């Protein structure tokens, strides 16, 4: 492998690592928002079910 190939490989590994980190952060944010939505909307839904 030449120096340029090694540098390119390292650069690609770093890009992939950053991409995976961004995916993980996005998934955590989406899951948090979904959980909050379910928690907030669950109260009124539960009250409606108990009332019927």
C-alpha atoms as a PDB file:
ATOM      1  CA  UNK A   1       0.000   0.000   0.000  1.00  0.00           C
ATOM      2  CA  UNK A   2       1.288   3.436  -0.770  1.00  0.00           C
ATOM      3  CA  UNK A   3       1.224   6.363   1.614  1.00  0.00           C
ATOM      4  CA  UNK A   4      -1.696   7.904  -0.302  1.00  0.00           C
ATOM      5  CA  UNK A   5      -3.694   4.656  -0.098  1.00  0.00           C
ATOM      6  CA  UNK A   6      -3.126   4.476   3.665  1.00  0.00           C
ATOM      7  CA  UNK A   7      -4.165   8.090   4.104  1.00  0.00           C
ATOM      8  CA  UNK A   8      -7.291   7.534   2.025  1.00  0.00           C
ATOM      9  CA  UNK A   9      -8.172   4.398   4.010  1.00  0.00           C
ATOM     10  CA  UNK A  10      -7.799   6.252   7.293  1.00  0.00           C
ATOM     11  CA  UNK A  11      -9.926   9.117   5.970  1.00  0.00           C
ATOM     12  CA  UNK A  12     -12.652   6.672   4.895  1.00  0.00           C
ATOM     13  CA  UNK A  13     -12.615   4.959   8.312  1.00  0.00           C
ATOM     14  CA  UNK A  14     -13.073   8.333   9.983  1.00  0.00           C
ATOM     15  CA  UNK A  15     -15.952   9.268   7.654  1.00  0.00           C
ATOM     16  CA  UNK A  16     -17.663   5.936   8.378  1.00  0.00           C
ATOM     17  CA  UNK A  17     -17.158   6.374  12.133  1.00  0.00           C
ATOM     18  CA  UNK A  18     -18.662   9.858  12.067  1.00  0.00           C
ATOM     19  CA  UNK A  19     -21.600   8.626   9.979  1.00  0.00           C
ATOM     20  CA  UNK A  20     -22.345   5.791  12.420  1.00  0.00           C
ATOM     21  CA  UNK A  21     -22.141   8.203  15.366  1.00  0.00           C
ATOM     22  CA  UNK A  22     -24.557  10.580  13.651  1.00  0.00           C
ATOM     23  CA  UNK A  23     -26.949   7.694  12.956  1.00  0.00           C
ATOM     24  CA  UNK A  24     -26.833   6.654  16.606  1.00  0.00           C
ATOM     25  CA  UNK A  25     -27.484  10.182  17.845  1.00  0.00           C
ATOM     26  CA  UNK A  26     -30.408  10.539  15.435  1.00  0.00           C
ATOM     27  CA  UNK A  27     -31.912   7.214  16.545  1.00  0.00           C
ATOM     28  CA  UNK A  28     -31.643   8.190  20.215  1.00  0.00           C
ATOM     29  CA  UNK A  29     -33.315  11.546  19.534  1.00  0.00           C
ATOM     30  CA  UNK A  30     -36.155   9.949  17.556  1.00  0.00           C
ATOM     31  CA  UNK A  31     -36.714   7.300  20.233  1.00  0.00           C
ATOM     32  CA  UNK A  32     -36.728   9.945  22.963  1.00  0.00           C
ATOM     33  CA  UNK A  33     -39.269  12.059  21.127  1.00  0.00           C
ATOM     34  CA  UNK A  34     -41.451   9.034  20.409  1.00  0.00           C
ATOM     35  CA  UNK A  35     -41.355   7.984  24.058  1.00  0.00           C
ATOM     36  CA  UNK A  36     -42.247  11.516  25.177  1.00  0.00           C
ATOM     37  CA  UNK A  37     -45.134  11.635  22.703  1.00  0.00           C
ATOM     38  CA  UNK A  38     -46.484   8.288  23.914  1.00  0.00           C
ATOM     39  CA  UNK A  39     -46.102   9.353  27.554  1.00  0.00           C
ATOM     40  CA  UNK A  40     -47.910  12.666  27.000  1.00  0.00           C
ATOM     41  CA  UNK A  41     -50.684  11.248  24.831  1.00  0.00           C
ATOM     42  CA  UNK A  42     -51.127   8.191  27.032  1.00  0.00           C
ATOM     43  CA  UNK A  43     -52.588  10.196  29.907  1.00  0.00           C
ATOM     44  CA  UNK A  44     -55.591  11.571  28.003  1.00  0.00           C
ATOM     45  CA  UNK A  45     -56.139   8.233  26.221  1.00  0.00           C
ATOM     46  CA  UNK A  46     -56.162   6.390  29.542  1.00  0.00           C
ATOM     47  CA  UNK A  47     -58.640   8.872  31.000  1.00  0.00           C
ATOM     48  CA  UNK A  48     -60.921   8.419  27.981  1.00  0.00           C
ATOM     49  CA  UNK A  49     -60.814   4.632  28.362  1.00  0.00           C
ATOM     50  CA  UNK A  50     -61.592   4.785  32.077  1.00  0.00           C
ATOM     51  CA  UNK A  51     -64.508   7.149  31.422  1.00  0.00           C
ATOM     52  CA  UNK A  52     -66.220   4.716  29.022  1.00  0.00           C
END
